[in-house]
């Protein structure tokens, strides 16, 4: 068994749970509906990642190789849909406060590191199923990252964010 790979999986487990706790804390703290929905959605997705990684870790530790029976799927992220629904329901939203911005910026750093971490695991693997699994996590973490960057833009200037999303122009077109 490659002990380094198993240790990397343990690190991933800890990271996913720490990130979940961070997102839950900030979903409870913020009064901004967009921030609340976004933080809660990511927290739920991080829990699913943690559970999937935990199953994988147990089987890998027991079998001393990439398990045959671990599903290579996790639910697709629906952050974009969640955020859009909340934004649509809360027109004329105020910008996020300083704590919201700090939390989103911290989360952006978490997710960027997560992308790098899973890319490293994917790229160092020789097993196609393992590569595919970690590539899926890279894709989802990238979606989290993009959504957080959009949330940051929304918190900074909701009016500008709406204008860009609606592709409106000042000429009325």
Protein backbone atom coordinates (compact mmCIF):
# COMPACT_ATOMS: atom_id res chain seq x y z
CA UNK A 1 0.00 0.00 0.00
CA UNK A 2 1.24 3.47 -0.79
CA UNK A 3 1.23 5.09 2.66
CA UNK A 4 1.71 8.57 1.17
CA UNK A 5 -1.50 8.22 -0.86
CA UNK A 6 -3.43 7.07 2.21
CA UNK A 7 -2.00 9.99 4.24
CA UNK A 8 -3.08 12.36 1.47
CA UNK A 9 -6.58 10.94 1.71
CA UNK A 10 -6.56 11.54 5.48
CA UNK A 11 -5.53 15.15 4.83
CA UNK A 12 -8.40 15.49 2.35
CA UNK A 13 -10.83 14.13 4.96
CA UNK A 14 -9.68 16.68 7.52
CA UNK A 15 -9.78 19.52 5.00
CA UNK A 16 -13.32 18.71 3.87
CA UNK A 17 -14.61 18.64 7.46
CA UNK A 18 -12.76 21.82 8.45
CA UNK A 19 -14.16 23.59 5.40
CA UNK A 20 -17.67 22.34 6.18
CA UNK A 21 -17.45 23.73 9.70
CA UNK A 22 -16.19 27.06 8.33
CA UNK A 23 -19.08 27.29 5.85
CA UNK A 24 -21.69 26.34 8.48
CA UNK A 25 -20.33 28.95 10.90
CA UNK A 26 -20.57 31.66 8.27
CA UNK A 27 -24.00 30.57 7.04
CA UNK A 28 -25.24 31.09 10.60
CA UNK A 29 -23.34 34.37 11.11
CA UNK A 30 -24.29 36.27 7.96
CA UNK A 31 -27.57 38.10 7.57
CA UNK A 32 -27.10 38.39 3.81
CA UNK A 33 -29.44 35.86 2.11
CA UNK A 34 -27.04 35.26 -0.79
CA UNK A 35 -24.14 34.57 1.56
CA UNK A 36 -26.30 32.40 3.81
CA UNK A 37 -27.53 30.23 0.91
CA UNK A 38 -24.10 29.96 -0.72
CA UNK A 39 -22.28 29.05 2.52
CA UNK A 40 -24.93 26.46 3.45
CA UNK A 41 -24.91 24.86 -0.01
CA UNK A 42 -21.12 24.50 -0.01
CA UNK A 43 -21.19 23.13 3.57
CA UNK A 44 -23.61 20.41 2.45
CA UNK A 45 -21.47 19.56 -0.56
CA UNK A 46 -18.33 19.38 1.58
CA UNK A 47 -20.11 16.90 3.87
CA UNK A 48 -20.88 14.67 0.90
CA UNK A 49 -17.24 14.85 -0.23
CA UNK A 50 -16.14 13.94 3.29
CA UNK A 51 -18.46 10.94 3.44
CA UNK A 52 -17.32 9.68 0.04
CA UNK A 53 -13.65 10.12 0.98
CA UNK A 54 -14.25 8.35 4.30
CA UNK A 55 -15.72 5.32 2.50
CA UNK A 56 -12.79 5.34 0.13
CA UNK A 57 -10.25 5.61 2.96
CA UNK A 58 -11.72 2.66 4.88
CA UNK A 59 -11.76 0.40 1.84
CA UNK A 60 -8.34 1.50 0.60
CA UNK A 61 -6.82 0.92 4.04
CA UNK A 62 -8.38 -2.56 4.24
CA UNK A 63 -7.62 -3.66 0.66
CA UNK A 64 -4.29 -1.80 0.38
CA UNK A 65 -5.20 -0.61 -3.13
CA UNK A 66 -7.77 1.56 -4.86
CA UNK A 67 -11.08 -0.16 -4.02
CA UNK A 68 -13.16 -1.71 -6.73
CA UNK A 69 -16.49 -0.86 -5.12
CA UNK A 70 -16.25 2.85 -4.28
CA UNK A 71 -18.63 4.86 -6.45
CA UNK A 72 -16.72 7.31 -8.60
CA UNK A 73 -19.42 9.93 -8.38
CA UNK A 74 -20.57 12.64 -6.05
CA UNK A 75 -23.59 14.82 -6.55
CA UNK A 76 -23.10 17.69 -8.96
CA UNK A 77 -22.76 21.05 -7.33
CA UNK A 78 -25.80 23.22 -7.77
CA UNK A 79 -24.30 26.38 -6.33
CA UNK A 80 -25.00 28.38 -9.45
CA UNK A 81 -28.71 27.51 -9.33
CA UNK A 82 -28.90 28.11 -5.58
CA UNK A 83 -27.24 31.49 -5.83
CA UNK A 84 -29.38 32.59 -8.79
CA UNK A 85 -32.62 31.65 -7.00
CA UNK A 86 -31.65 33.65 -3.92
CA UNK A 87 -30.45 36.61 -5.97
CA UNK A 88 -33.68 36.62 -8.00
CA UNK A 89 -35.74 36.55 -4.80
CA UNK A 90 -33.76 39.33 -3.12
CA UNK A 91 -33.45 42.12 -5.66
CA UNK A 92 -32.01 45.39 -4.33
CA UNK A 93 -29.71 43.50 -2.00
CA UNK A 94 -27.18 45.49 0.03
CA UNK A 95 -23.50 44.69 -0.39
CA UNK A 96 -22.03 42.10 1.95
CA UNK A 97 -20.44 43.40 5.14
CA UNK A 98 -16.74 43.24 5.98
CA UNK A 99 -17.14 39.86 7.71
CA UNK A 100 -18.94 38.44 4.68
CA UNK A 101 -16.16 39.63 2.39
CA UNK A 102 -13.45 38.24 4.67
CA UNK A 103 -15.25 34.88 4.86
CA UNK A 104 -15.68 34.68 1.09
CA UNK A 105 -12.04 35.60 0.51
CA UNK A 106 -10.91 32.97 3.03
CA UNK A 107 -13.16 30.44 1.30
CA UNK A 108 -11.68 31.38 -2.09
CA UNK A 109 -8.23 30.54 -0.71
CA UNK A 110 -9.54 27.21 0.72
CA UNK A 111 -11.07 26.18 -2.56
CA UNK A 112 -8.03 27.21 -4.62
CA UNK A 113 -5.85 25.07 -2.36
CA UNK A 114 -8.37 22.23 -2.63
CA UNK A 115 -8.18 22.37 -6.42
CA UNK A 116 -4.37 22.16 -6.29
CA UNK A 117 -4.48 19.34 -3.74
CA UNK A 118 -6.90 17.19 -5.75
CA UNK A 119 -5.04 17.95 -8.99
CA UNK A 120 -1.85 16.68 -7.35
CA UNK A 121 -3.59 13.48 -6.22
CA UNK A 122 -5.11 13.03 -9.68
CA UNK A 123 -1.87 13.69 -11.53
CA UNK A 124 0.22 11.38 -9.34
CA UNK A 125 -2.12 8.41 -9.76
CA UNK A 126 -1.63 5.55 -12.18
CA UNK A 127 -5.12 4.11 -11.68
CA UNK A 128 -7.73 5.45 -14.12
CA UNK A 129 -10.59 5.16 -11.60
CA UNK A 130 -8.56 7.07 -9.04
CA UNK A 131 -7.68 9.74 -11.61
CA UNK A 132 -11.33 10.05 -12.59
CA UNK A 133 -12.47 10.35 -8.98
CA UNK A 134 -9.99 13.08 -8.10
CA UNK A 135 -10.69 14.85 -11.37
CA UNK A 136 -14.37 14.95 -10.40
CA UNK A 137 -13.42 16.56 -7.09
CA UNK A 138 -11.21 19.07 -8.96
CA UNK A 139 -14.18 19.98 -11.15
CA UNK A 140 -16.50 20.49 -8.17
CA UNK A 141 -13.93 22.47 -6.17
CA UNK A 142 -13.40 24.67 -9.25
CA UNK A 143 -17.16 25.29 -9.37
CA UNK A 144 -17.09 26.27 -5.69
CA UNK A 145 -14.20 28.62 -6.46
CA UNK A 146 -16.03 30.28 -9.37
CA UNK A 147 -19.19 30.68 -7.29
CA UNK A 148 -17.25 32.24 -4.44
CA UNK A 149 -15.56 34.67 -6.80
CA UNK A 150 -19.00 35.63 -8.12
CA UNK A 151 -20.27 36.01 -4.57
CA UNK A 152 -17.36 38.29 -3.77
CA UNK A 153 -18.25 40.45 -6.77
CA UNK A 154 -21.90 40.48 -5.65
CA UNK A 155 -20.96 41.53 -2.11
CA UNK A 156 -18.72 44.30 -3.39
CA UNK A 157 -21.25 45.83 -5.77
CA UNK A 158 -24.66 44.16 -6.23
CA UNK A 159 -25.73 46.76 -8.79
CA UNK A 160 -22.72 46.13 -11.01
CA UNK A 161 -23.17 42.38 -10.56
CA UNK A 162 -26.81 42.58 -11.70
CA UNK A 163 -25.84 44.73 -14.67
CA UNK A 164 -23.19 42.23 -15.79
CA UNK A 165 -25.49 39.23 -15.30
CA UNK A 166 -28.30 40.87 -17.21
CA UNK A 167 -25.90 42.17 -19.89
CA UNK A 168 -27.73 45.46 -19.73
CA UNK A 169 -26.44 48.53 -21.38
CA UNK A 170 -26.91 52.18 -20.60
CA UNK A 171 -28.44 52.77 -24.03
CA UNK A 172 -31.55 50.76 -23.11
CA UNK A 173 -30.64 47.87 -25.44
